[in-house]
Every structure is written in structure tokens, then in C-alpha cells.
Amino acid sequence: MDTRFDELLDFPTFQTFKVMGVADEKLASQVIACLQEHAPGDYAPSVKPSAKGNYHSVSVSVRVTSKEHMETIYTELAKIELVRVVL
């Protein structure tokens, strides 16, 4: 992943990751489990259903320490089977 995060942000910083995926009760817990593996912390995700209820968005603020750390989190969140988009 070739991003410009290091040019745009001063690390360490808090970044809100918004994960959109299939409306499944396991989505939020899988997102948190992934985050705990790469950035351990006490997370309180915000979960919102889509208008038709087919998808959920999970927003979580995470302390990231570097460009590489942020890229790793984006990559690992995208690998979760229920996830469709990571913003």
C-alpha cells in the first residue's frame, strides 16, 4: 500500500476507521478482535445499520503510531470476510 499518510498526519494520532460490512451480529466483534491484535486498546465501536438493514457500519477511533501501522490496520480489516469497505 503506497499512501501519503506520513505527509498528511503527525504520528501518533487517533484515526477513526469506518468499516462497512454485511449486517451480521459478528461484524463488530470481528472488527474489534482485529484491532486488538494490531492496536490493543479499550474500544467502544459505534454500529449503525443501513437504511434497508442489509449492511452495518462500524466506526472505531484507534491510536495509530505510524504510516505503516495505519496501512496494516486498513489491510487487516479488509481481510475480514463480512467486511465490504474500509474507510
C-alpha atoms as a PDB file:
ATOM      1  CA  MET A   1       0.000   0.000   0.000  1.00  0.00           C
ATOM      2  CA  ASP A   2       1.532   3.300  -1.029  1.00  0.00           C
ATOM      3  CA  THR A   3      -0.177   6.122   0.852  1.00  0.00           C
ATOM      4  CA  ARG A   4       0.724   9.646   1.891  1.00  0.00           C
ATOM      5  CA  PHE A   5      -0.431   9.299   5.489  1.00  0.00           C
ATOM      6  CA  ASP A   6       3.005  10.344   6.751  1.00  0.00           C
ATOM      7  CA  GLU A   7       2.755  13.603   4.778  1.00  0.00           C
ATOM      8  CA  LEU A   8      -0.762  14.379   5.983  1.00  0.00           C
ATOM      9  CA  LEU A   9      -0.697  13.329   9.640  1.00  0.00           C
ATOM     10  CA  ASP A  10       1.556  13.705  12.665  1.00  0.00           C
ATOM     11  CA  PHE A  11       2.042  10.379  14.446  1.00  0.00           C
ATOM     12  CA  PRO A  12       0.999   9.105  16.897  1.00  0.00           C
ATOM     13  CA  THR A  13      -2.581  10.158  16.276  1.00  0.00           C
ATOM     14  CA  PHE A  14      -6.126   8.916  16.646  1.00  0.00           C
ATOM     15  CA  GLN A  15      -7.780   7.769  13.433  1.00  0.00           C
ATOM     16  CA  THR A  16     -11.423   6.779  13.074  1.00  0.00           C
ATOM     17  CA  PHE A  17     -11.791   3.667  10.964  1.00  0.00           C
ATOM     18  CA  LYS A  18     -15.207   3.165   9.393  1.00  0.00           C
ATOM     19  CA  VAL A  19     -15.851  -0.412   8.378  1.00  0.00           C
ATOM     20  CA  MET A  20     -18.894  -1.288   6.287  1.00  0.00           C
ATOM     21  CA  GLY A  21     -19.994  -4.872   6.049  1.00  0.00           C
ATOM     22  CA  VAL A  22     -22.784  -7.379   5.964  1.00  0.00           C
ATOM     23  CA  ALA A  23     -25.422  -6.930   8.678  1.00  0.00           C
ATOM     24  CA  ASP A  24     -24.249  -9.708  10.967  1.00  0.00           C
ATOM     25  CA  GLU A  25     -24.071  -9.754  14.750  1.00  0.00           C
ATOM     26  CA  LYS A  26     -20.427 -10.913  14.488  1.00  0.00           C
ATOM     27  CA  LEU A  27     -19.207  -7.946  12.402  1.00  0.00           C
ATOM     28  CA  ALA A  28     -18.418  -5.563  15.270  1.00  0.00           C
ATOM     29  CA  SER A  29     -16.739  -8.257  17.376  1.00  0.00           C
ATOM     30  CA  GLN A  30     -14.579  -9.366  14.429  1.00  0.00           C
ATOM     31  CA  VAL A  31     -13.531  -5.761  13.777  1.00  0.00           C
ATOM     32  CA  ILE A  32     -12.619  -5.276  17.452  1.00  0.00           C
ATOM     33  CA  ALA A  33     -10.723  -8.595  17.546  1.00  0.00           C
ATOM     34  CA  CYS A  34      -8.663  -7.476  14.536  1.00  0.00           C
ATOM     35  CA  LEU A  35      -7.957  -4.104  16.143  1.00  0.00           C
ATOM     36  CA  GLN A  36      -6.951  -5.731  19.438  1.00  0.00           C
ATOM     37  CA  GLU A  37      -4.399  -7.795  17.543  1.00  0.00           C
ATOM     38  CA  HIS A  38      -2.804  -4.791  15.821  1.00  0.00           C
ATOM     39  CA  ALA A  39      -3.539  -1.917  18.222  1.00  0.00           C
ATOM     40  CA  PRO A  40      -4.600  -3.183  21.661  1.00  0.00           C
ATOM     41  CA  GLY A  41      -6.938  -0.850  23.484  1.00  0.00           C
ATOM     42  CA  ASP A  42     -10.326  -0.295  25.062  1.00  0.00           C
ATOM     43  CA  TYR A  43     -12.693   0.247  22.132  1.00  0.00           C
ATOM     44  CA  ALA A  44     -16.307   1.386  22.058  1.00  0.00           C
ATOM     45  CA  PRO A  45     -17.486   0.879  18.475  1.00  0.00           C
ATOM     46  CA  SER A  46     -20.421   2.768  17.061  1.00  0.00           C
ATOM     47  CA  VAL A  47     -22.622   0.482  14.936  1.00  0.00           C
ATOM     48  CA  LYS A  48     -25.236   1.864  12.552  1.00  0.00           C
ATOM     49  CA  PRO A  49     -27.483  -0.118  10.206  1.00  0.00           C
ATOM     50  CA  SER A  50     -28.043   0.887   6.584  1.00  0.00           C
ATOM     51  CA  ALA A  51     -31.444   2.189   5.501  1.00  0.00           C
ATOM     52  CA  LYS A  52     -32.592  -1.253   4.318  1.00  0.00           C
ATOM     53  CA  GLY A  53     -30.796  -3.077   7.108  1.00  0.00           C
ATOM     54  CA  ASN A  54     -28.621  -5.197   4.811  1.00  0.00           C
ATOM     55  CA  TYR A  55     -25.349  -3.626   5.955  1.00  0.00           C
ATOM     56  CA  HIS A  56     -23.842  -2.190   9.122  1.00  0.00           C
ATOM     57  CA  SER A  57     -21.156   0.433   9.543  1.00  0.00           C
ATOM     58  CA  VAL A  58     -18.786   0.108  12.475  1.00  0.00           C
ATOM     59  CA  SER A  59     -16.822   3.224  13.460  1.00  0.00           C
ATOM     60  CA  VAL A  60     -13.904   2.961  15.860  1.00  0.00           C
ATOM     61  CA  SER A  61     -11.272   5.504  16.922  1.00  0.00           C
ATOM     62  CA  VAL A  62      -7.819   3.908  17.070  1.00  0.00           C
ATOM     63  CA  ARG A  63      -4.437   5.272  18.173  1.00  0.00           C
ATOM     64  CA  VAL A  64      -2.018   4.674  15.292  1.00  0.00           C
ATOM     65  CA  THR A  65       1.722   5.152  15.673  1.00  0.00           C
ATOM     66  CA  SER A  66       2.984   5.335  12.079  1.00  0.00           C
ATOM     67  CA  LYS A  67       2.088   5.229   8.403  1.00  0.00           C
ATOM     68  CA  GLU A  68       2.934   1.525   8.311  1.00  0.00           C
ATOM     69  CA  HIS A  69       0.792   0.845  11.373  1.00  0.00           C
ATOM     70  CA  MET A  70      -2.205   2.582   9.769  1.00  0.00           C
ATOM     71  CA  GLU A  71      -1.727   0.742   6.470  1.00  0.00           C
ATOM     72  CA  THR A  72      -1.542  -2.593   8.308  1.00  0.00           C
ATOM     73  CA  ILE A  73      -4.815  -1.915  10.101  1.00  0.00           C
ATOM     74  CA  TYR A  74      -6.582  -0.985   6.840  1.00  0.00           C
ATOM     75  CA  THR A  75      -5.242  -4.132   5.159  1.00  0.00           C
ATOM     76  CA  GLU A  76      -6.140  -6.469   8.013  1.00  0.00           C
ATOM     77  CA  LEU A  77      -9.656  -5.047   8.463  1.00  0.00           C
ATOM     78  CA  ALA A  78     -10.306  -5.532   4.742  1.00  0.00           C
ATOM     79  CA  LYS A  79      -9.448  -9.245   5.088  1.00  0.00           C
ATOM     80  CA  ILE A  80     -12.428  -9.907   7.373  1.00  0.00           C
ATOM     81  CA  GLU A  81     -14.964 -11.953   5.405  1.00  0.00           C
ATOM     82  CA  LEU A  82     -18.011  -9.886   6.434  1.00  0.00           C
ATOM     83  CA  VAL A  83     -16.325  -6.578   5.536  1.00  0.00           C
ATOM     84  CA  ARG A  84     -17.072  -4.895   2.226  1.00  0.00           C
ATOM     85  CA  VAL A  85     -15.365  -1.484   2.564  1.00  0.00           C
ATOM     86  CA  VAL A  86     -12.891   0.124   4.985  1.00  0.00           C
ATOM     87  CA  LEU A  87     -12.710   3.918   5.101  1.00  0.00           C
END
